[in-house]
Amino acid sequence: MTGETIEALEIREIRSSRILLVENLTCYHHVVQESQEGTVVIFAGGFPHRHLQKLLQKLSTFLEEPREQTICIQHWGDLDYGGIRIFEFIRRKLVLQLRPYLMDVATYEEFRVQGISFGKLYERKLSSLLEDGSFAEWHPLVEAILREGYRVEQESLLR
């Protein structure tokens, strides 16, 4: 959608029970091809650009309105520092209702063998999340990543 289209967009109804934001383009195409019934799939592409931010704000406003149907909105990103930061940016600034999808310790442990090792600088950045109470929900995942020494990119889950 263009910026003009998003500006003019008025969300009146969503006929799906789930909205899934996908960080990685390869994973986005995979999810779309799997055509998950009842799921709206949106390509996030990392930190959202201003037009996507506007769309997400409109979705968030729509989801705040009382309705009979419950709509779950989730984000699927990398199991690493960047993925966590992107998720929290979207949740804190745009979509308070956002929940993680496949961004947990169990998923990490299943796919860590396909992970990428990291150095001391990255370790320090990741460790800084443990010192920030606003990332408490992520502390178990961060601790697992630090303990194992590998970060897992989202597309690794497709293999």
N, C-alpha and C. Protein backbone atom coordinates (compact mmCIF):
# COMPACT_ATOMS: atom_id res chain seq x y z
N MET A 1 0.84 -1.18 0.00
CA MET A 1 0.00 0.00 0.00
C MET A 1 0.88 1.25 0.00
N THR A 2 0.42 2.24 -0.67
CA THR A 2 1.15 3.50 -0.68
C THR A 2 0.84 4.28 0.59
N GLY A 3 1.65 5.29 0.84
CA GLY A 3 1.41 6.15 1.99
C GLY A 3 0.06 6.83 1.91
N GLU A 4 -0.33 7.27 0.70
CA GLU A 4 -1.64 7.91 0.52
C GLU A 4 -2.78 6.94 0.83
N THR A 5 -2.62 5.70 0.39
CA THR A 5 -3.65 4.69 0.65
C THR A 5 -3.79 4.45 2.15
N ILE A 6 -2.67 4.35 2.83
CA ILE A 6 -2.70 4.12 4.28
C ILE A 6 -3.32 5.30 5.00
N GLU A 7 -2.99 6.52 4.58
CA GLU A 7 -3.57 7.72 5.19
C GLU A 7 -5.09 7.71 5.06
N ALA A 8 -5.58 7.32 3.88
CA ALA A 8 -7.02 7.33 3.62
C ALA A 8 -7.74 6.11 4.20
N LEU A 9 -6.99 5.11 4.56
CA LEU A 9 -7.57 3.85 5.05
C LEU A 9 -8.37 4.04 6.33
N GLU A 10 -9.55 3.49 6.33
CA GLU A 10 -10.37 3.45 7.54
C GLU A 10 -10.72 1.98 7.78
N ILE A 11 -10.26 1.43 8.88
CA ILE A 11 -10.50 0.02 9.17
C ILE A 11 -11.86 -0.10 9.86
N ARG A 12 -12.77 -0.78 9.20
CA ARG A 12 -14.12 -0.96 9.75
C ARG A 12 -14.36 -2.39 10.21
N GLU A 13 -13.65 -3.32 9.58
CA GLU A 13 -13.86 -4.73 9.90
C GLU A 13 -12.61 -5.51 9.52
N ILE A 14 -12.30 -6.51 10.32
CA ILE A 14 -11.24 -7.46 9.99
C ILE A 14 -11.87 -8.84 10.12
N ARG A 15 -11.86 -9.58 9.04
CA ARG A 15 -12.51 -10.89 9.03
C ARG A 15 -11.54 -12.02 9.32
N SER A 16 -10.57 -11.73 10.09
CA SER A 16 -9.57 -12.72 10.49
C SER A 16 -9.45 -12.70 12.00
N SER A 17 -8.98 -13.80 12.54
CA SER A 17 -8.81 -13.88 13.99
C SER A 17 -7.38 -13.57 14.40
N ARG A 18 -6.51 -13.38 13.39
CA ARG A 18 -5.10 -13.19 13.70
C ARG A 18 -4.43 -12.28 12.67
N ILE A 19 -3.54 -11.43 13.17
CA ILE A 19 -2.68 -10.61 12.33
C ILE A 19 -1.25 -10.97 12.70
N LEU A 20 -0.44 -11.30 11.72
CA LEU A 20 0.95 -11.69 11.97
C LEU A 20 1.89 -10.76 11.23
N LEU A 21 2.73 -10.05 11.98
CA LEU A 21 3.79 -9.23 11.39
C LEU A 21 5.02 -10.12 11.25
N VAL A 22 5.64 -10.10 10.09
CA VAL A 22 6.80 -10.94 9.83
C VAL A 22 7.98 -10.04 9.47
N GLU A 23 9.07 -10.19 10.21
CA GLU A 23 10.24 -9.33 10.05
C GLU A 23 11.01 -9.60 8.75
N ASN A 24 11.15 -10.85 8.37
CA ASN A 24 12.03 -11.26 7.27
C ASN A 24 11.21 -11.56 6.01
N LEU A 25 11.70 -11.09 4.85
CA LEU A 25 10.97 -11.25 3.59
C LEU A 25 10.81 -12.71 3.19
N THR A 26 11.86 -13.51 3.34
CA THR A 26 11.78 -14.93 3.00
C THR A 26 10.71 -15.61 3.84
N CYS A 27 10.69 -15.32 5.12
CA CYS A 27 9.69 -15.90 6.03
C CYS A 27 8.29 -15.40 5.68
N TYR A 28 8.19 -14.14 5.31
CA TYR A 28 6.90 -13.58 4.89
C TYR A 28 6.35 -14.38 3.71
N HIS A 29 7.17 -14.58 2.68
CA HIS A 29 6.72 -15.35 1.51
C HIS A 29 6.32 -16.77 1.90
N HIS A 30 7.08 -17.37 2.80
CA HIS A 30 6.77 -18.73 3.27
C HIS A 30 5.40 -18.76 3.95
N VAL A 31 5.15 -17.83 4.84
CA VAL A 31 3.88 -17.79 5.57
C VAL A 31 2.72 -17.55 4.60
N VAL A 32 2.91 -16.64 3.65
CA VAL A 32 1.86 -16.36 2.67
C VAL A 32 1.57 -17.59 1.82
N GLN A 33 2.62 -18.30 1.40
CA GLN A 33 2.43 -19.52 0.59
C GLN A 33 1.73 -20.62 1.38
N GLU A 34 1.99 -20.66 2.67
CA GLU A 34 1.32 -21.66 3.52
C GLU A 34 -0.15 -21.29 3.72
N SER A 35 -0.49 -20.07 3.34
CA SER A 35 -1.85 -19.52 3.42
C SER A 35 -2.60 -19.96 4.67
N GLN A 36 -2.15 -19.45 5.78
CA GLN A 36 -2.78 -19.78 7.05
C GLN A 36 -4.19 -19.18 7.09
N GLU A 37 -5.16 -20.04 7.18
CA GLU A 37 -6.56 -19.63 7.22
C GLU A 37 -6.81 -18.68 8.39
N GLY A 38 -7.49 -17.60 8.11
CA GLY A 38 -7.86 -16.68 9.17
C GLY A 38 -6.74 -15.78 9.65
N THR A 39 -5.65 -15.69 8.88
CA THR A 39 -4.51 -14.86 9.28
C THR A 39 -4.22 -13.80 8.23
N VAL A 40 -4.12 -12.56 8.66
CA VAL A 40 -3.64 -11.47 7.82
C VAL A 40 -2.14 -11.39 8.07
N VAL A 41 -1.33 -11.46 7.01
CA VAL A 41 0.12 -11.44 7.14
C VAL A 41 0.64 -10.11 6.61
N ILE A 42 1.46 -9.44 7.42
CA ILE A 42 2.03 -8.14 7.05
C ILE A 42 3.54 -8.23 7.11
N PHE A 43 4.21 -7.81 6.04
CA PHE A 43 5.67 -7.78 6.02
C PHE A 43 6.14 -6.54 6.77
N ALA A 44 6.92 -6.77 7.82
CA ALA A 44 7.41 -5.66 8.65
C ALA A 44 8.78 -5.17 8.18
N GLY A 45 9.66 -6.07 7.77
CA GLY A 45 10.95 -5.66 7.24
C GLY A 45 11.86 -4.96 8.23
N GLY A 46 11.93 -5.45 9.44
CA GLY A 46 12.77 -4.81 10.45
C GLY A 46 12.01 -3.70 11.16
N PHE A 47 12.74 -2.63 11.52
CA PHE A 47 12.05 -1.50 12.14
C PHE A 47 11.09 -0.90 11.11
N PRO A 48 9.82 -0.71 11.47
CA PRO A 48 8.83 -0.29 10.48
C PRO A 48 9.05 1.14 9.99
N HIS A 49 8.91 1.31 8.67
CA HIS A 49 8.99 2.65 8.07
C HIS A 49 7.72 3.43 8.45
N ARG A 50 7.70 4.72 8.15
CA ARG A 50 6.63 5.58 8.66
C ARG A 50 5.25 5.18 8.14
N HIS A 51 5.15 4.67 6.91
CA HIS A 51 3.84 4.27 6.40
C HIS A 51 3.33 3.03 7.13
N LEU A 52 4.22 2.09 7.38
CA LEU A 52 3.83 0.90 8.14
C LEU A 52 3.47 1.29 9.57
N GLN A 53 4.21 2.24 10.13
CA GLN A 53 3.87 2.71 11.48
C GLN A 53 2.45 3.25 11.52
N LYS A 54 2.08 4.01 10.50
CA LYS A 54 0.72 4.57 10.44
C LYS A 54 -0.31 3.45 10.35
N LEU A 55 -0.04 2.45 9.52
CA LEU A 55 -0.96 1.31 9.39
C LEU A 55 -1.10 0.58 10.72
N LEU A 56 0.01 0.37 11.39
CA LEU A 56 -0.02 -0.34 12.68
C LEU A 56 -0.77 0.47 13.74
N GLN A 57 -0.62 1.79 13.71
CA GLN A 57 -1.38 2.64 14.64
C GLN A 57 -2.88 2.51 14.39
N LYS A 58 -3.26 2.47 13.12
CA LYS A 58 -4.68 2.31 12.78
C LYS A 58 -5.19 0.94 13.23
N LEU A 59 -4.38 -0.08 13.02
CA LEU A 59 -4.76 -1.42 13.49
C LEU A 59 -4.93 -1.44 15.00
N SER A 60 -3.99 -0.83 15.69
CA SER A 60 -4.04 -0.80 17.15
C SER A 60 -5.30 -0.09 17.64
N THR A 61 -5.63 1.03 17.03
CA THR A 61 -6.84 1.77 17.39
C THR A 61 -8.08 0.90 17.16
N PHE A 62 -8.11 0.22 16.03
CA PHE A 62 -9.23 -0.68 15.73
C PHE A 62 -9.33 -1.79 16.77
N LEU A 63 -8.20 -2.37 17.13
CA LEU A 63 -8.20 -3.50 18.08
C LEU A 63 -8.58 -3.08 19.50
N GLU A 64 -8.43 -1.81 19.82
CA GLU A 64 -8.80 -1.31 21.15
C GLU A 64 -10.31 -1.19 21.32
N GLU A 65 -11.03 -1.12 20.21
CA GLU A 65 -12.48 -0.98 20.28
C GLU A 65 -13.12 -2.30 20.73
N PRO A 66 -14.14 -2.23 21.59
CA PRO A 66 -14.80 -3.46 22.04
C PRO A 66 -15.52 -4.15 20.88
N ARG A 67 -15.42 -5.48 20.83
CA ARG A 67 -16.09 -6.26 19.79
C ARG A 67 -16.25 -7.69 20.27
N GLU A 68 -17.12 -8.42 19.62
CA GLU A 68 -17.35 -9.82 19.98
C GLU A 68 -16.16 -10.69 19.60
N GLN A 69 -15.61 -10.44 18.43
CA GLN A 69 -14.50 -11.25 17.92
C GLN A 69 -13.18 -10.79 18.51
N THR A 70 -12.40 -11.75 18.99
CA THR A 70 -11.06 -11.44 19.48
C THR A 70 -10.08 -11.59 18.32
N ILE A 71 -9.24 -10.59 18.14
CA ILE A 71 -8.21 -10.63 17.10
C ILE A 71 -6.86 -10.56 17.78
N CYS A 72 -6.04 -11.56 17.53
CA CYS A 72 -4.70 -11.63 18.10
C CYS A 72 -3.72 -11.01 17.11
N ILE A 73 -2.84 -10.14 17.58
CA ILE A 73 -1.81 -9.57 16.72
C ILE A 73 -0.45 -9.98 17.26
N GLN A 74 0.35 -10.60 16.39
CA GLN A 74 1.64 -11.15 16.78
C GLN A 74 2.75 -10.65 15.86
N HIS A 75 3.97 -10.76 16.36
CA HIS A 75 5.16 -10.40 15.59
C HIS A 75 6.13 -11.56 15.62
N TRP A 76 6.65 -11.92 14.46
CA TRP A 76 7.65 -12.98 14.33
C TRP A 76 8.94 -12.35 13.84
N GLY A 77 9.96 -12.39 14.69
CA GLY A 77 11.25 -11.80 14.34
C GLY A 77 12.40 -12.70 14.74
N ASP A 78 13.60 -12.20 14.54
CA ASP A 78 14.81 -12.94 14.90
C ASP A 78 14.89 -13.16 16.40
N LEU A 79 15.51 -14.26 16.78
CA LEU A 79 15.76 -14.57 18.19
C LEU A 79 17.14 -14.02 18.53
N ASP A 80 17.19 -12.69 18.63
CA ASP A 80 18.45 -12.01 18.89
C ASP A 80 18.17 -10.58 19.38
N TYR A 81 19.25 -9.84 19.60
CA TYR A 81 19.14 -8.47 20.10
C TYR A 81 18.24 -7.62 19.21
N GLY A 82 18.51 -7.65 17.91
CA GLY A 82 17.73 -6.84 16.98
C GLY A 82 16.27 -7.22 16.94
N GLY A 83 15.99 -8.52 16.92
CA GLY A 83 14.61 -8.99 16.90
C GLY A 83 13.82 -8.54 18.12
N ILE A 84 14.47 -8.62 19.27
CA ILE A 84 13.82 -8.18 20.51
C ILE A 84 13.58 -6.68 20.49
N ARG A 85 14.57 -5.91 20.04
CA ARG A 85 14.43 -4.45 19.99
C ARG A 85 13.32 -4.02 19.01
N ILE A 86 13.27 -4.69 17.86
CA ILE A 86 12.22 -4.37 16.88
C ILE A 86 10.85 -4.67 17.47
N PHE A 87 10.70 -5.85 18.08
CA PHE A 87 9.43 -6.21 18.70
C PHE A 87 9.00 -5.15 19.71
N GLU A 88 9.92 -4.79 20.60
CA GLU A 88 9.57 -3.83 21.66
C GLU A 88 9.29 -2.44 21.11
N PHE A 89 9.98 -2.04 20.05
CA PHE A 89 9.67 -0.75 19.41
C PHE A 89 8.22 -0.75 18.93
N ILE A 90 7.84 -1.82 18.24
CA ILE A 90 6.47 -1.89 17.70
C ILE A 90 5.46 -1.93 18.84
N ARG A 91 5.71 -2.74 19.85
CA ARG A 91 4.74 -2.86 20.95
C ARG A 91 4.64 -1.55 21.74
N ARG A 92 5.76 -0.95 22.07
CA ARG A 92 5.74 0.25 22.92
C ARG A 92 5.23 1.49 22.20
N LYS A 93 5.54 1.62 20.93
CA LYS A 93 5.20 2.85 20.21
C LYS A 93 3.93 2.74 19.36
N LEU A 94 3.57 1.50 18.96
CA LEU A 94 2.51 1.38 17.96
C LEU A 94 1.36 0.45 18.34
N VAL A 95 1.67 -0.74 18.82
CA VAL A 95 0.65 -1.77 19.04
C VAL A 95 0.83 -2.39 20.41
N LEU A 96 0.17 -1.83 21.40
CA LEU A 96 0.31 -2.34 22.77
C LEU A 96 -0.15 -3.78 22.90
N GLN A 97 -1.04 -4.22 22.03
CA GLN A 97 -1.61 -5.57 22.10
C GLN A 97 -0.68 -6.63 21.49
N LEU A 98 0.46 -6.23 20.96
CA LEU A 98 1.35 -7.14 20.24
C LEU A 98 1.88 -8.26 21.14
N ARG A 99 1.92 -9.47 20.58
CA ARG A 99 2.47 -10.64 21.27
C ARG A 99 3.52 -11.30 20.39
N PRO A 100 4.54 -11.90 20.99
CA PRO A 100 5.56 -12.58 20.18
C PRO A 100 5.05 -13.90 19.61
N TYR A 101 5.58 -14.25 18.45
CA TYR A 101 5.28 -15.52 17.80
C TYR A 101 6.61 -16.21 17.50
N LEU A 102 6.80 -17.41 17.99
CA LEU A 102 8.04 -18.18 17.80
C LEU A 102 9.28 -17.39 18.23
N MET A 103 9.15 -16.64 19.29
CA MET A 103 10.26 -15.85 19.82
C MET A 103 10.42 -16.17 21.31
N ASP A 104 10.56 -17.45 21.61
CA ASP A 104 10.63 -17.90 23.00
C ASP A 104 11.80 -18.85 23.21
N VAL A 105 12.04 -19.22 24.44
CA VAL A 105 13.17 -20.08 24.78
C VAL A 105 13.04 -21.45 24.11
N ALA A 106 11.85 -22.03 24.11
CA ALA A 106 11.66 -23.36 23.50
C ALA A 106 12.01 -23.34 22.02
N THR A 107 11.57 -22.31 21.31
CA THR A 107 11.90 -22.19 19.88
C THR A 107 13.40 -21.99 19.71
N TYR A 108 13.98 -21.13 20.55
CA TYR A 108 15.42 -20.90 20.48
C TYR A 108 16.18 -22.20 20.67
N GLU A 109 15.83 -22.96 21.69
CA GLU A 109 16.55 -24.20 21.98
C GLU A 109 16.42 -25.21 20.85
N GLU A 110 15.28 -25.23 20.19
CA GLU A 110 15.07 -26.15 19.07
C GLU A 110 15.95 -25.79 17.87
N PHE A 111 16.20 -24.50 17.65
CA PHE A 111 16.89 -24.06 16.44
C PHE A 111 18.27 -23.47 16.68
N ARG A 112 18.77 -23.48 17.90
CA ARG A 112 20.06 -22.85 18.19
C ARG A 112 21.22 -23.48 17.42
N VAL A 113 21.11 -24.76 17.05
CA VAL A 113 22.18 -25.41 16.29
C VAL A 113 22.36 -24.75 14.92
N GLN A 114 21.35 -24.04 14.46
CA GLN A 114 21.44 -23.32 13.19
C GLN A 114 21.80 -21.85 13.41
N GLY A 115 22.14 -21.53 14.64
CA GLY A 115 22.43 -20.15 15.00
C GLY A 115 23.78 -19.66 14.50
N ILE A 116 24.01 -18.39 14.74
CA ILE A 116 25.24 -17.71 14.34
C ILE A 116 25.94 -17.26 15.62
N SER A 117 27.21 -17.60 15.74
CA SER A 117 27.96 -17.19 16.94
C SER A 117 28.18 -15.68 16.92
N PHE A 118 28.49 -15.13 18.08
CA PHE A 118 28.69 -13.69 18.17
C PHE A 118 29.86 -13.39 19.10
N GLY A 119 30.37 -12.16 18.99
CA GLY A 119 31.54 -11.75 19.76
C GLY A 119 31.18 -10.97 21.02
N LYS A 120 32.20 -10.42 21.64
CA LYS A 120 32.06 -9.72 22.92
C LYS A 120 31.21 -8.45 22.82
N LEU A 121 31.38 -7.69 21.74
CA LEU A 121 30.60 -6.46 21.58
C LEU A 121 29.10 -6.77 21.54
N TYR A 122 28.74 -7.77 20.75
CA TYR A 122 27.34 -8.17 20.66
C TYR A 122 26.86 -8.71 22.01
N GLU A 123 27.71 -9.46 22.68
CA GLU A 123 27.37 -10.00 24.00
C GLU A 123 27.06 -8.86 24.98
N ARG A 124 27.84 -7.79 24.92
CA ARG A 124 27.59 -6.64 25.81
C ARG A 124 26.24 -5.98 25.50
N LYS A 125 25.96 -5.82 24.20
CA LYS A 125 24.67 -5.22 23.82
C LYS A 125 23.52 -6.08 24.32
N LEU A 126 23.64 -7.38 24.13
CA LEU A 126 22.59 -8.30 24.56
C LEU A 126 22.45 -8.29 26.08
N SER A 127 23.58 -8.28 26.77
CA SER A 127 23.58 -8.26 28.24
C SER A 127 22.91 -7.00 28.78
N SER A 128 23.00 -5.90 28.03
CA SER A 128 22.38 -4.65 28.49
C SER A 128 20.86 -4.81 28.64
N LEU A 129 20.26 -5.73 27.91
CA LEU A 129 18.82 -5.96 28.04
C LEU A 129 18.48 -6.57 29.40
N LEU A 130 19.44 -7.30 29.98
CA LEU A 130 19.22 -7.90 31.30
C LEU A 130 19.24 -6.85 32.40
N GLU A 131 19.89 -5.74 32.13
CA GLU A 131 19.98 -4.65 33.10
C GLU A 131 18.79 -3.70 33.01
N ASP A 132 17.96 -3.91 32.01
CA ASP A 132 16.81 -3.03 31.76
C ASP A 132 15.53 -3.78 32.13
N GLY A 133 14.90 -3.36 33.20
CA GLY A 133 13.69 -4.02 33.67
C GLY A 133 12.55 -4.01 32.68
N SER A 134 12.56 -3.07 31.75
CA SER A 134 11.47 -3.01 30.77
C SER A 134 11.56 -4.16 29.75
N PHE A 135 12.68 -4.89 29.78
CA PHE A 135 12.84 -6.07 28.92
C PHE A 135 12.71 -7.36 29.71
N ALA A 136 12.13 -7.30 30.92
CA ALA A 136 12.05 -8.47 31.81
C ALA A 136 11.39 -9.68 31.14
N GLU A 137 10.39 -9.45 30.32
CA GLU A 137 9.72 -10.55 29.61
C GLU A 137 10.71 -11.34 28.74
N TRP A 138 11.76 -10.66 28.28
CA TRP A 138 12.73 -11.26 27.37
C TRP A 138 13.93 -11.87 28.10
N HIS A 139 14.05 -11.63 29.39
CA HIS A 139 15.24 -12.09 30.11
C HIS A 139 15.51 -13.59 29.97
N PRO A 140 14.51 -14.48 30.05
CA PRO A 140 14.81 -15.91 29.86
C PRO A 140 15.42 -16.21 28.48
N LEU A 141 14.91 -15.57 27.44
CA LEU A 141 15.46 -15.78 26.10
C LEU A 141 16.87 -15.21 26.01
N VAL A 142 17.06 -14.01 26.51
CA VAL A 142 18.39 -13.37 26.48
C VAL A 142 19.40 -14.23 27.23
N GLU A 143 19.02 -14.74 28.38
CA GLU A 143 19.92 -15.60 29.16
C GLU A 143 20.28 -16.86 28.38
N ALA A 144 19.32 -17.45 27.68
CA ALA A 144 19.59 -18.64 26.87
C ALA A 144 20.55 -18.32 25.73
N ILE A 145 20.34 -17.20 25.06
CA ILE A 145 21.22 -16.80 23.96
C ILE A 145 22.64 -16.57 24.48
N LEU A 146 22.77 -15.88 25.60
CA LEU A 146 24.09 -15.63 26.17
C LEU A 146 24.76 -16.92 26.63
N ARG A 147 24.00 -17.81 27.21
CA ARG A 147 24.54 -19.08 27.70
C ARG A 147 25.06 -19.94 26.54
N GLU A 148 24.30 -19.99 25.45
CA GLU A 148 24.66 -20.84 24.31
C GLU A 148 25.64 -20.17 23.35
N GLY A 149 25.61 -18.84 23.29
CA GLY A 149 26.54 -18.12 22.43
C GLY A 149 26.14 -18.05 20.97
N TYR A 150 24.85 -18.25 20.68
CA TYR A 150 24.37 -18.19 19.30
C TYR A 150 23.09 -17.37 19.24
N ARG A 151 22.96 -16.60 18.18
CA ARG A 151 21.71 -15.90 17.89
C ARG A 151 21.06 -16.63 16.72
N VAL A 152 19.76 -16.64 16.68
CA VAL A 152 19.04 -17.40 15.65
C VAL A 152 18.21 -16.44 14.80
N GLU A 153 18.51 -16.43 13.51
CA GLU A 153 17.74 -15.60 12.60
C GLU A 153 16.45 -16.33 12.23
N GLN A 154 15.44 -15.55 12.02
CA GLN A 154 14.10 -16.06 11.76
C GLN A 154 14.06 -17.08 10.63
N GLU A 155 14.77 -16.83 9.55
CA GLU A 155 14.70 -17.74 8.40
C GLU A 155 15.29 -19.12 8.70
N SER A 156 16.07 -19.24 9.77
CA SER A 156 16.60 -20.55 10.18
C SER A 156 15.48 -21.50 10.59
N LEU A 157 14.36 -20.96 11.00
CA LEU A 157 13.24 -21.80 11.43
C LEU A 157 12.55 -22.47 10.25
N LEU A 158 12.85 -22.04 9.03
CA LEU A 158 12.24 -22.63 7.84
C LEU A 158 12.96 -23.88 7.38
N ARG A 159 14.17 -24.12 7.86
CA ARG A 159 14.97 -25.25 7.38
C ARG A 159 14.56 -26.55 8.03
